[in-house]
């Protein structure tokens, strides 16, 4: 019998196991003691109401370990596993954990800021913002990567990303607007992170602009030089034509000097 070794378990499976264990324990607590559950929820869920939030900044991290129910948990973990397989096509485990945890925090911050701007008071739980960050990191890095879908066949991954994004934007006007705000926040972070991993930065933008500017100047100079050359050639042709008709002595002093300079 082969001995069990935790080192053989992949990073995404370990993460899914930890999130699932914490979420299920909290769900069980809700069944046996509602008051304890509410107290724990107030401490760990992310509230947009500043009075309830009360500067408990750890909520930007802990909210993603809680789920509203088993179906919510299973759906998020299933999506996390699928997106992680795409993620590891290009990136390593350290980058995966960064995309997930930083994406979850960014999703929470986005939800919190937008909710306070529009006066929306609620709370958010769930890993979906972080899960979207994992997907959109791949989209930002390789938007034209092809994925095989049962219904639509082989399509570019950015179509999948757009479908998710459009769905979240539409759902802002219906139930669970807070959760969809978190999705959008995680998506924005993931896309930017993917671009950054691909080498995109303000420095590269400045370099690109500089190169474009130099190319433009070069083209302008080339055009000016070409016009000048054409004018000179026309003048030479005119003088040569005059010589062929009337001889060299018919040239003016200026024409003679010009012709001499072209030698």
C-alpha atoms as a PDB file:
ATOM      1  CA  UNK A   1       0.000   0.000   0.000  1.00  0.00           C
ATOM      2  CA  UNK A   2       1.365   3.382  -1.028  1.00  0.00           C
ATOM      3  CA  UNK A   3       2.041   5.718   1.886  1.00  0.00           C
ATOM      4  CA  UNK A   4       0.081   8.972   1.911  1.00  0.00           C
ATOM      5  CA  UNK A   5       2.248  12.045   1.399  1.00  0.00           C
ATOM      6  CA  UNK A   6       0.771  15.540   1.680  1.00  0.00           C
ATOM      7  CA  UNK A   7       3.512  16.800  -0.645  1.00  0.00           C
ATOM      8  CA  UNK A   8       1.744  15.023  -3.510  1.00  0.00           C
ATOM      9  CA  UNK A   9      -1.360  17.172  -3.026  1.00  0.00           C
ATOM     10  CA  UNK A  10      -1.423  20.149  -5.365  1.00  0.00           C
ATOM     11  CA  UNK A  11      -1.660  23.725  -4.103  1.00  0.00           C
ATOM     12  CA  UNK A  12      -5.144  24.342  -5.465  1.00  0.00           C
ATOM     13  CA  UNK A  13      -6.494  21.201  -3.776  1.00  0.00           C
ATOM     14  CA  UNK A  14      -4.965  22.235  -0.444  1.00  0.00           C
ATOM     15  CA  UNK A  15      -6.532  25.682  -0.776  1.00  0.00           C
ATOM     16  CA  UNK A  16      -9.917  24.210  -1.682  1.00  0.00           C
ATOM     17  CA  UNK A  17      -9.711  21.857   1.321  1.00  0.00           C
ATOM     18  CA  UNK A  18      -8.924  24.683   3.763  1.00  0.00           C
ATOM     19  CA  UNK A  19     -11.689  26.950   2.443  1.00  0.00           C
ATOM     20  CA  UNK A  20     -14.205  24.100   2.453  1.00  0.00           C
ATOM     21  CA  UNK A  21     -13.317  23.031   6.004  1.00  0.00           C
ATOM     22  CA  UNK A  22     -13.698  26.548   7.413  1.00  0.00           C
ATOM     23  CA  UNK A  23     -16.924  27.209   5.491  1.00  0.00           C
ATOM     24  CA  UNK A  24     -18.510  23.904   6.564  1.00  0.00           C
ATOM     25  CA  UNK A  25     -17.571  24.433  10.218  1.00  0.00           C
ATOM     26  CA  UNK A  26     -19.275  27.834  10.202  1.00  0.00           C
ATOM     27  CA  UNK A  27     -22.355  26.321   8.484  1.00  0.00           C
ATOM     28  CA  UNK A  28     -22.546  23.630  11.184  1.00  0.00           C
ATOM     29  CA  UNK A  29     -22.305  26.328  13.852  1.00  0.00           C
ATOM     30  CA  UNK A  30     -25.324  28.062  12.303  1.00  0.00           C
ATOM     31  CA  UNK A  31     -27.360  24.881  12.823  1.00  0.00           C
ATOM     32  CA  UNK A  32     -26.398  24.362  16.486  1.00  0.00           C
ATOM     33  CA  UNK A  33     -26.053  27.920  17.783  1.00  0.00           C
ATOM     34  CA  UNK A  34     -27.498  30.822  15.781  1.00  0.00           C
ATOM     35  CA  UNK A  35     -26.244  33.486  18.209  1.00  0.00           C
ATOM     36  CA  UNK A  36     -22.642  32.304  17.971  1.00  0.00           C
ATOM     37  CA  UNK A  37     -23.009  32.145  14.214  1.00  0.00           C
ATOM     38  CA  UNK A  38     -24.224  35.751  14.033  1.00  0.00           C
ATOM     39  CA  UNK A  39     -21.379  36.914  16.256  1.00  0.00           C
ATOM     40  CA  UNK A  40     -18.828  35.085  14.099  1.00  0.00           C
ATOM     41  CA  UNK A  41     -20.431  36.434  10.930  1.00  0.00           C
ATOM     42  CA  UNK A  42     -20.205  39.995  12.256  1.00  0.00           C
ATOM     43  CA  UNK A  43     -16.502  39.473  12.904  1.00  0.00           C
ATOM     44  CA  UNK A  44     -15.513  37.687   9.697  1.00  0.00           C
ATOM     45  CA  UNK A  45     -17.913  38.786   6.935  1.00  0.00           C
ATOM     46  CA  UNK A  46     -17.208  42.053   5.113  1.00  0.00           C
ATOM     47  CA  UNK A  47     -19.758  44.767   5.940  1.00  0.00           C
ATOM     48  CA  UNK A  48     -20.154  47.915   3.853  1.00  0.00           C
ATOM     49  CA  UNK A  49     -21.880  49.699   6.753  1.00  0.00           C
ATOM     50  CA  UNK A  50     -19.035  51.602   8.418  1.00  0.00           C
ATOM     51  CA  UNK A  51     -20.604  51.299  11.862  1.00  0.00           C
ATOM     52  CA  UNK A  52     -20.735  47.511  11.639  1.00  0.00           C
ATOM     53  CA  UNK A  53     -17.347  47.295   9.891  1.00  0.00           C
ATOM     54  CA  UNK A  54     -15.804  49.401  12.690  1.00  0.00           C
ATOM     55  CA  UNK A  55     -12.246  49.318  11.227  1.00  0.00           C
ATOM     56  CA  UNK A  56     -12.017  45.514  11.407  1.00  0.00           C
ATOM     57  CA  UNK A  57      -9.702  45.407   8.419  1.00  0.00           C
ATOM     58  CA  UNK A  58      -9.202  41.626   8.653  1.00  0.00           C
ATOM     59  CA  UNK A  59     -12.677  41.313   7.134  1.00  0.00           C
ATOM     60  CA  UNK A  60     -11.148  42.109   3.725  1.00  0.00           C
ATOM     61  CA  UNK A  61      -9.359  38.765   4.062  1.00  0.00           C
ATOM     62  CA  UNK A  62     -11.672  36.551   6.127  1.00  0.00           C
ATOM     63  CA  UNK A  63     -14.927  37.130   4.194  1.00  0.00           C
ATOM     64  CA  UNK A  64     -13.716  34.873   1.356  1.00  0.00           C
ATOM     65  CA  UNK A  65     -13.514  31.844   3.693  1.00  0.00           C
ATOM     66  CA  UNK A  66     -17.262  31.922   4.433  1.00  0.00           C
ATOM     67  CA  UNK A  67     -20.142  30.762   2.227  1.00  0.00           C
ATOM     68  CA  UNK A  68     -23.910  31.075   2.454  1.00  0.00           C
ATOM     69  CA  UNK A  69     -24.533  27.385   1.836  1.00  0.00           C
ATOM     70  CA  UNK A  70     -23.204  24.113   0.479  1.00  0.00           C
ATOM     71  CA  UNK A  71     -24.234  24.907  -3.116  1.00  0.00           C
ATOM     72  CA  UNK A  72     -22.487  28.294  -2.944  1.00  0.00           C
ATOM     73  CA  UNK A  73     -19.349  26.602  -1.614  1.00  0.00           C
ATOM     74  CA  UNK A  74     -19.353  23.752  -4.169  1.00  0.00           C
ATOM     75  CA  UNK A  75     -19.860  26.112  -7.109  1.00  0.00           C
ATOM     76  CA  UNK A  76     -16.991  28.391  -6.065  1.00  0.00           C
ATOM     77  CA  UNK A  77     -14.603  25.513  -5.383  1.00  0.00           C
ATOM     78  CA  UNK A  78     -15.472  23.839  -8.675  1.00  0.00           C
ATOM     79  CA  UNK A  79     -14.798  27.093 -10.561  1.00  0.00           C
ATOM     80  CA  UNK A  80     -11.575  27.605  -8.613  1.00  0.00           C
ATOM     81  CA  UNK A  81     -10.328  24.163  -9.626  1.00  0.00           C
ATOM     82  CA  UNK A  82     -11.168  24.700 -13.308  1.00  0.00           C
ATOM     83  CA  UNK A  83      -9.604  28.151 -13.470  1.00  0.00           C
ATOM     84  CA  UNK A  84      -6.505  26.989 -11.594  1.00  0.00           C
ATOM     85  CA  UNK A  85      -5.824  24.418 -14.346  1.00  0.00           C
ATOM     86  CA  UNK A  86      -5.812  27.251 -16.894  1.00  0.00           C
ATOM     87  CA  UNK A  87      -3.679  29.363 -14.562  1.00  0.00           C
ATOM     88  CA  UNK A  88      -0.941  26.722 -14.196  1.00  0.00           C
ATOM     89  CA  UNK A  89      -0.555  26.615 -17.971  1.00  0.00           C
ATOM     90  CA  UNK A  90       1.524  29.784 -17.620  1.00  0.00           C
ATOM     91  CA  UNK A  91       2.240  30.461 -13.947  1.00  0.00           C
ATOM     92  CA  UNK A  92       3.563  28.819 -10.794  1.00  0.00           C
ATOM     93  CA  UNK A  93       2.069  28.094  -7.344  1.00  0.00           C
ATOM     94  CA  UNK A  94       3.381  31.296  -5.745  1.00  0.00           C
ATOM     95  CA  UNK A  95       1.760  33.404  -8.453  1.00  0.00           C
ATOM     96  CA  UNK A  96      -1.458  31.413  -8.046  1.00  0.00           C
ATOM     97  CA  UNK A  97      -1.644  32.179  -4.321  1.00  0.00           C
ATOM     98  CA  UNK A  98      -0.906  35.851  -4.984  1.00  0.00           C
ATOM     99  CA  UNK A  99      -3.628  36.048  -7.617  1.00  0.00           C
ATOM    100  CA  UNK A 100      -6.131  34.341  -5.305  1.00  0.00           C
ATOM    101  CA  UNK A 101      -5.492  36.111  -1.996  1.00  0.00           C
ATOM    102  CA  UNK A 102      -4.625  39.569  -3.335  1.00  0.00           C
ATOM    103  CA  UNK A 103      -7.525  39.251  -5.765  1.00  0.00           C
ATOM    104  CA  UNK A 104      -9.862  38.430  -2.883  1.00  0.00           C
ATOM    105  CA  UNK A 105      -8.687  41.459  -0.911  1.00  0.00           C
ATOM    106  CA  UNK A 106      -8.973  43.715  -3.980  1.00  0.00           C
ATOM    107  CA  UNK A 107     -12.495  42.399  -4.600  1.00  0.00           C
ATOM    108  CA  UNK A 108     -13.440  43.227  -1.012  1.00  0.00           C
ATOM    109  CA  UNK A 109     -11.971  46.722  -1.210  1.00  0.00           C
ATOM    110  CA  UNK A 110     -13.804  47.385  -4.478  1.00  0.00           C
ATOM    111  CA  UNK A 111     -17.089  46.183  -2.977  1.00  0.00           C
ATOM    112  CA  UNK A 112     -16.574  48.292   0.145  1.00  0.00           C
ATOM    113  CA  UNK A 113     -15.685  51.516  -1.707  1.00  0.00           C
ATOM    114  CA  UNK A 114     -18.425  51.314  -4.346  1.00  0.00           C
ATOM    115  CA  UNK A 115     -21.063  50.329  -1.774  1.00  0.00           C
ATOM    116  CA  UNK A 116     -20.215  53.352   0.367  1.00  0.00           C
ATOM    117  CA  UNK A 117     -20.166  55.654  -2.673  1.00  0.00           C
ATOM    118  CA  UNK A 118     -23.684  54.631  -3.730  1.00  0.00           C
ATOM    119  CA  UNK A 119     -25.021  54.213  -0.182  1.00  0.00           C
ATOM    120  CA  UNK A 120     -25.480  50.450  -0.458  1.00  0.00           C
ATOM    121  CA  UNK A 121     -25.422  48.751   2.964  1.00  0.00           C
ATOM    122  CA  UNK A 122     -25.031  44.997   3.197  1.00  0.00           C
ATOM    123  CA  UNK A 123     -22.359  42.366   3.745  1.00  0.00           C
ATOM    124  CA  UNK A 124     -20.525  39.989   1.442  1.00  0.00           C
ATOM    125  CA  UNK A 125     -19.124  36.479   1.915  1.00  0.00           C
ATOM    126  CA  UNK A 126     -17.673  33.948  -0.501  1.00  0.00           C
ATOM    127  CA  UNK A 127     -14.546  33.206  -2.509  1.00  0.00           C
ATOM    128  CA  UNK A 128     -15.992  34.155  -5.898  1.00  0.00           C
ATOM    129  CA  UNK A 129     -14.168  37.516  -6.112  1.00  0.00           C
ATOM    130  CA  UNK A 130     -10.841  35.748  -5.582  1.00  0.00           C
ATOM    131  CA  UNK A 131     -11.842  32.994  -8.037  1.00  0.00           C
ATOM    132  CA  UNK A 132     -12.589  35.606 -10.706  1.00  0.00           C
ATOM    133  CA  UNK A 133      -9.159  37.127 -10.076  1.00  0.00           C
ATOM    134  CA  UNK A 134      -7.558  33.770 -10.955  1.00  0.00           C
ATOM    135  CA  UNK A 135      -9.495  33.561 -14.239  1.00  0.00           C
ATOM    136  CA  UNK A 136      -8.871  37.171 -15.261  1.00  0.00           C
ATOM    137  CA  UNK A 137      -5.138  36.887 -14.555  1.00  0.00           C
ATOM    138  CA  UNK A 138      -5.036  34.357 -17.399  1.00  0.00           C
ATOM    139  CA  UNK A 139      -7.243  36.621 -19.537  1.00  0.00           C
ATOM    140  CA  UNK A 140      -4.963  39.605 -18.942  1.00  0.00           C
ATOM    141  CA  UNK A 141      -1.883  37.557 -19.779  1.00  0.00           C
ATOM    142  CA  UNK A 142      -3.209  35.562 -22.772  1.00  0.00           C
ATOM    143  CA  UNK A 143      -6.612  36.906 -23.924  1.00  0.00           C
ATOM    144  CA  UNK A 144      -6.516  34.809 -27.109  1.00  0.00           C
ATOM    145  CA  UNK A 145      -5.891  31.500 -25.327  1.00  0.00           C
ATOM    146  CA  UNK A 146      -8.328  28.908 -26.700  1.00  0.00           C
ATOM    147  CA  UNK A 147     -10.612  26.919 -24.398  1.00  0.00           C
ATOM    148  CA  UNK A 148     -12.951  24.071 -25.280  1.00  0.00           C
ATOM    149  CA  UNK A 149     -16.568  24.538 -24.161  1.00  0.00           C
ATOM    150  CA  UNK A 150     -19.252  21.873 -24.543  1.00  0.00           C
ATOM    151  CA  UNK A 151     -21.824  24.194 -26.138  1.00  0.00           C
ATOM    152  CA  UNK A 152     -19.728  26.788 -27.986  1.00  0.00           C
ATOM    153  CA  UNK A 153     -16.721  24.652 -28.917  1.00  0.00           C
ATOM    154  CA  UNK A 154     -13.216  26.086 -29.185  1.00  0.00           C
ATOM    155  CA  UNK A 155     -13.242  29.842 -28.416  1.00  0.00           C
ATOM    156  CA  UNK A 156     -10.875  32.538 -27.130  1.00  0.00           C
ATOM    157  CA  UNK A 157     -10.890  32.878 -23.352  1.00  0.00           C
ATOM    158  CA  UNK A 158     -11.678  36.581 -23.472  1.00  0.00           C
ATOM    159  CA  UNK A 159     -15.196  35.679 -24.717  1.00  0.00           C
ATOM    160  CA  UNK A 160     -15.709  33.662 -21.529  1.00  0.00           C
ATOM    161  CA  UNK A 161     -14.411  36.583 -19.463  1.00  0.00           C
ATOM    162  CA  UNK A 162     -16.753  39.036 -21.207  1.00  0.00           C
ATOM    163  CA  UNK A 163     -19.713  36.743 -20.549  1.00  0.00           C
ATOM    164  CA  UNK A 164     -18.912  36.630 -16.825  1.00  0.00           C
ATOM    165  CA  UNK A 165     -18.402  40.392 -16.705  1.00  0.00           C
ATOM    166  CA  UNK A 166     -21.658  41.180 -18.522  1.00  0.00           C
ATOM    167  CA  UNK A 167     -23.567  38.829 -16.234  1.00  0.00           C
ATOM    168  CA  UNK A 168     -22.139  40.534 -13.130  1.00  0.00           C
ATOM    169  CA  UNK A 169     -22.958  44.006 -14.467  1.00  0.00           C
ATOM    170  CA  UNK A 170     -26.563  42.994 -15.200  1.00  0.00           C
ATOM    171  CA  UNK A 171     -26.955  41.361 -11.782  1.00  0.00           C
ATOM    172  CA  UNK A 172     -26.048  44.639 -10.026  1.00  0.00           C
ATOM    173  CA  UNK A 173     -29.681  45.657 -10.498  1.00  0.00           C
ATOM    174  CA  UNK A 174     -31.048  42.489  -8.911  1.00  0.00           C
ATOM    175  CA  UNK A 175     -30.342  40.323  -5.842  1.00  0.00           C
ATOM    176  CA  UNK A 176     -26.857  39.910  -4.362  1.00  0.00           C
ATOM    177  CA  UNK A 177     -25.502  43.127  -5.893  1.00  0.00           C
ATOM    178  CA  UNK A 178     -22.716  43.128  -3.289  1.00  0.00           C
ATOM    179  CA  UNK A 179     -21.443  39.739  -4.400  1.00  0.00           C
ATOM    180  CA  UNK A 180     -21.351  40.827  -8.027  1.00  0.00           C
ATOM    181  CA  UNK A 181     -19.482  43.998  -7.087  1.00  0.00           C
ATOM    182  CA  UNK A 182     -16.847  41.746  -5.516  1.00  0.00           C
ATOM    183  CA  UNK A 183     -16.725  39.692  -8.733  1.00  0.00           C
ATOM    184  CA  UNK A 184     -16.040  42.829 -10.759  1.00  0.00           C
ATOM    185  CA  UNK A 185     -13.368  44.000  -8.297  1.00  0.00           C
ATOM    186  CA  UNK A 186     -11.607  40.639  -8.445  1.00  0.00           C
ATOM    187  CA  UNK A 187     -11.827  40.635 -12.248  1.00  0.00           C
ATOM    188  CA  UNK A 188     -10.226  44.080 -12.507  1.00  0.00           C
ATOM    189  CA  UNK A 189      -7.383  43.071 -10.208  1.00  0.00           C
ATOM    190  CA  UNK A 190      -6.803  39.772 -12.032  1.00  0.00           C
ATOM    191  CA  UNK A 191      -6.709  41.424 -15.447  1.00  0.00           C
ATOM    192  CA  UNK A 192      -4.187  44.033 -14.254  1.00  0.00           C
ATOM    193  CA  UNK A 193      -2.088  41.350 -12.528  1.00  0.00           C
ATOM    194  CA  UNK A 194      -2.045  39.275 -15.707  1.00  0.00           C
ATOM    195  CA  UNK A 195      -0.921  42.298 -17.722  1.00  0.00           C
ATOM    196  CA  UNK A 196       1.805  42.994 -15.153  1.00  0.00           C
ATOM    197  CA  UNK A 197       3.023  39.392 -15.291  1.00  0.00           C
ATOM    198  CA  UNK A 198       3.166  39.751 -19.053  1.00  0.00           C
ATOM    199  CA  UNK A 199       5.608  42.650 -18.720  1.00  0.00           C
ATOM    200  CA  UNK A 200       3.168  45.554 -18.976  1.00  0.00           C
ATOM    201  CA  UNK A 201       4.035  48.595 -16.843  1.00  0.00           C
ATOM    202  CA  UNK A 202       4.130  52.397 -16.993  1.00  0.00           C
ATOM    203  CA  UNK A 203       7.781  52.159 -18.042  1.00  0.00           C
ATOM    204  CA  UNK A 204       6.925  50.001 -21.044  1.00  0.00           C
ATOM    205  CA  UNK A 205       4.167  52.443 -22.011  1.00  0.00           C
ATOM    206  CA  UNK A 206       6.650  55.358 -21.853  1.00  0.00           C
ATOM    207  CA  UNK A 207       9.181  53.391 -23.916  1.00  0.00           C
ATOM    208  CA  UNK A 208       6.532  52.531 -26.489  1.00  0.00           C
ATOM    209  CA  UNK A 209       5.488  56.186 -26.719  1.00  0.00           C
ATOM    210  CA  UNK A 210       9.123  57.236 -27.036  1.00  0.00           C
ATOM    211  CA  UNK A 211       9.722  54.734 -29.853  1.00  0.00           C
ATOM    212  CA  UNK A 212       6.537  55.867 -31.604  1.00  0.00           C
ATOM    213  CA  UNK A 213       7.632  59.491 -31.275  1.00  0.00           C
ATOM    214  CA  UNK A 214      11.066  58.696 -32.699  1.00  0.00           C
ATOM    215  CA  UNK A 215       9.524  56.761 -35.580  1.00  0.00           C
ATOM    216  CA  UNK A 216       7.223  59.717 -36.305  1.00  0.00           C
ATOM    217  CA  UNK A 217      10.128  62.191 -36.319  1.00  0.00           C
ATOM    218  CA  UNK A 218      12.122  59.829 -38.524  1.00  0.00           C
ATOM    219  CA  UNK A 219       9.242  59.543 -40.992  1.00  0.00           C
ATOM    220  CA  UNK A 220       8.748  63.345 -41.047  1.00  0.00           C
ATOM    221  CA  UNK A 221      12.467  63.862 -41.665  1.00  0.00           C
ATOM    222  CA  UNK A 222      12.434  61.243 -44.414  1.00  0.00           C
ATOM    223  CA  UNK A 223       9.478  62.977 -46.083  1.00  0.00           C
ATOM    224  CA  UNK A 224      11.160  66.387 -45.876  1.00  0.00           C
ATOM    225  CA  UNK A 225      14.394  64.987 -47.301  1.00  0.00           C
ATOM    226  CA  UNK A 226      12.526  63.304 -50.131  1.00  0.00           C
ATOM    227  CA  UNK A 227      10.729  66.559 -51.062  1.00  0.00           C
ATOM    228  CA  UNK A 228      14.037  68.450 -50.983  1.00  0.00           C
ATOM    229  CA  UNK A 229      15.699  65.822 -53.168  1.00  0.00           C
ATOM    230  CA  UNK A 230      12.848  65.982 -55.667  1.00  0.00           C
ATOM    231  CA  UNK A 231      13.120  69.786 -55.869  1.00  0.00           C
ATOM    232  CA  UNK A 232      16.888  69.579 -56.455  1.00  0.00           C
ATOM    233  CA  UNK A 233      16.454  66.942 -59.122  1.00  0.00           C
ATOM    234  CA  UNK A 234      13.824  69.055 -60.898  1.00  0.00           C
ATOM    235  CA  UNK A 235      16.168  72.056 -60.904  1.00  0.00           C
ATOM    236  CA  UNK A 236      19.058  69.922 -62.229  1.00  0.00           C
ATOM    237  CA  UNK A 237      16.830  68.533 -64.990  1.00  0.00           C
ATOM    238  CA  UNK A 238      15.770  72.057 -65.923  1.00  0.00           C
ATOM    239  CA  UNK A 239      19.394  73.284 -66.149  1.00  0.00           C
ATOM    240  CA  UNK A 240      20.468  70.234 -68.170  1.00  0.00           C
ATOM    241  CA  UNK A 241      17.565  70.785 -70.528  1.00  0.00           C
ATOM    242  CA  UNK A 242      18.664  74.423 -70.954  1.00  0.00           C
ATOM    243  CA  UNK A 243      22.234  73.301 -71.711  1.00  0.00           C
ATOM    244  CA  UNK A 244      21.039  70.822 -74.331  1.00  0.00           C
ATOM    245  CA  UNK A 245      19.053  73.526 -76.104  1.00  0.00           C
ATOM    246  CA  UNK A 246      21.275  76.644 -75.780  1.00  0.00           C
ATOM    247  CA  UNK A 247      24.631  75.432 -74.495  1.00  0.00           C
ATOM    248  CA  UNK A 248      26.512  75.850 -71.223  1.00  0.00           C
ATOM    249  CA  UNK A 249      27.212  79.558 -71.779  1.00  0.00           C
ATOM    250  CA  UNK A 250      23.498  80.308 -71.730  1.00  0.00           C
ATOM    251  CA  UNK A 251      23.373  79.524 -67.961  1.00  0.00           C
ATOM    252  CA  UNK A 252      23.310  82.295 -65.413  1.00  0.00           C
ATOM    253  CA  UNK A 253      26.042  82.547 -62.786  1.00  0.00           C
ATOM    254  CA  UNK A 254      23.667  81.208 -60.107  1.00  0.00           C
ATOM    255  CA  UNK A 255      22.767  78.215 -62.287  1.00  0.00           C
ATOM    256  CA  UNK A 256      26.430  77.465 -62.922  1.00  0.00           C
ATOM    257  CA  UNK A 257      27.241  77.614 -59.177  1.00  0.00           C
ATOM    258  CA  UNK A 258      24.249  75.383 -58.332  1.00  0.00           C
ATOM    259  CA  UNK A 259      25.296  72.808 -60.914  1.00  0.00           C
ATOM    260  CA  UNK A 260      28.860  72.867 -59.635  1.00  0.00           C
ATOM    261  CA  UNK A 261      27.740  72.182 -56.047  1.00  0.00           C
ATOM    262  CA  UNK A 262      25.859  69.045 -57.146  1.00  0.00           C
ATOM    263  CA  UNK A 263      29.031  67.346 -58.418  1.00  0.00           C
END
